[in-house]
Protein backbone atom coordinates (compact mmCIF):
# COMPACT_ATOMS: atom_id res chain seq x y z
CA UNK A 1 0.00 0.00 0.00
CA UNK A 2 3.00 2.25 -0.20
CA UNK A 3 2.19 5.48 -1.96
CA UNK A 4 -1.57 5.16 -1.60
CA UNK A 5 -3.44 8.11 -0.16
CA UNK A 6 -4.80 7.20 3.26
CA UNK A 7 -8.01 8.85 4.48
CA UNK A 8 -9.89 8.89 7.77
CA UNK A 9 -13.45 7.55 7.83
CA UNK A 10 -16.27 8.31 10.25
CA UNK A 11 -19.80 7.03 10.92
CA UNK A 12 -22.68 9.42 11.56
CA UNK A 13 -24.51 7.36 14.16
CA UNK A 14 -27.65 9.49 13.71
CA UNK A 15 -27.91 8.27 10.10
CA UNK A 16 -26.72 4.68 10.59
CA UNK A 17 -29.43 2.03 10.15
CA UNK A 18 -27.20 -0.89 11.13
CA UNK A 19 -27.16 -2.68 7.78
CA UNK A 20 -23.62 -3.92 8.44
CA UNK A 21 -22.33 -3.45 4.90
CA UNK A 22 -19.34 -1.48 6.21
CA UNK A 23 -18.37 -4.26 8.62
CA UNK A 24 -18.71 -6.83 5.84
CA UNK A 25 -16.44 -4.81 3.54
CA UNK A 26 -13.89 -3.62 6.13
CA UNK A 27 -14.13 -5.73 9.32
CA UNK A 28 -10.84 -4.36 10.64
CA UNK A 29 -12.23 -0.81 10.61
CA UNK A 30 -15.98 -1.06 11.30
CA UNK A 31 -17.99 -2.91 13.92
CA UNK A 32 -21.75 -3.26 14.19
CA UNK A 33 -23.01 -3.10 17.77
CA UNK A 34 -25.73 -5.74 17.83
CA UNK A 35 -27.34 -4.29 20.96
CA UNK A 36 -28.00 -0.83 19.56
CA UNK A 37 -27.71 -1.81 15.86
CA UNK A 38 -25.36 1.03 15.06
CA UNK A 39 -22.00 0.81 13.35
CA UNK A 40 -18.87 2.49 14.63
CA UNK A 41 -15.25 2.85 13.63
CA UNK A 42 -12.94 0.65 15.65
CA UNK A 43 -9.20 0.37 15.64
CA UNK A 44 -7.52 2.24 12.83
CA UNK A 45 -9.79 4.84 11.19
CA UNK A 46 -7.59 4.97 8.11
CA UNK A 47 -8.21 3.29 4.77
CA UNK A 48 -6.70 3.72 1.33
CA UNK A 49 -8.89 6.23 -0.51
CA UNK A 50 -10.07 3.69 -3.11
CA UNK A 51 -11.34 1.30 -0.41
CA UNK A 52 -12.89 4.15 1.59
CA UNK A 53 -14.73 5.32 -1.53
CA UNK A 54 -16.26 1.84 -1.93
CA UNK A 55 -17.47 1.72 1.69
CA UNK A 56 -18.93 5.24 1.46
CA UNK A 57 -20.67 4.39 -1.83
CA UNK A 58 -22.17 1.12 -0.54
CA UNK A 59 -23.53 2.43 2.77
CA UNK A 60 -27.33 2.29 2.28
CA UNK A 61 -28.00 5.14 4.72
CA UNK A 62 -25.08 7.34 3.62
CA UNK A 63 -23.83 7.35 7.22
CA UNK A 64 -20.15 6.88 6.35
CA UNK A 65 -17.99 9.76 5.22
CA UNK A 66 -14.40 10.48 4.45
CA UNK A 67 -13.05 13.08 6.85
CA UNK A 68 -11.20 15.53 4.66
CA UNK A 69 -8.18 16.66 6.60
CA UNK A 70 -4.47 16.65 6.18
CA UNK A 71 -2.85 13.56 7.74
């Protein structure tokens, strides 16, 4: 992954419907809390931009975003 742009991702828990697509795609980054049925970022919040774009695009409630900031 050398040379790939890394971006920070975040979950808007107000928008999250708990579909679990993010956890399915990136289990090292996202975790679905089965008690409250809300996803959250766990561990490392960073993903290569291409992978982050896929997770953002596939979230059915549009609850995942790339945090645009300089790393």
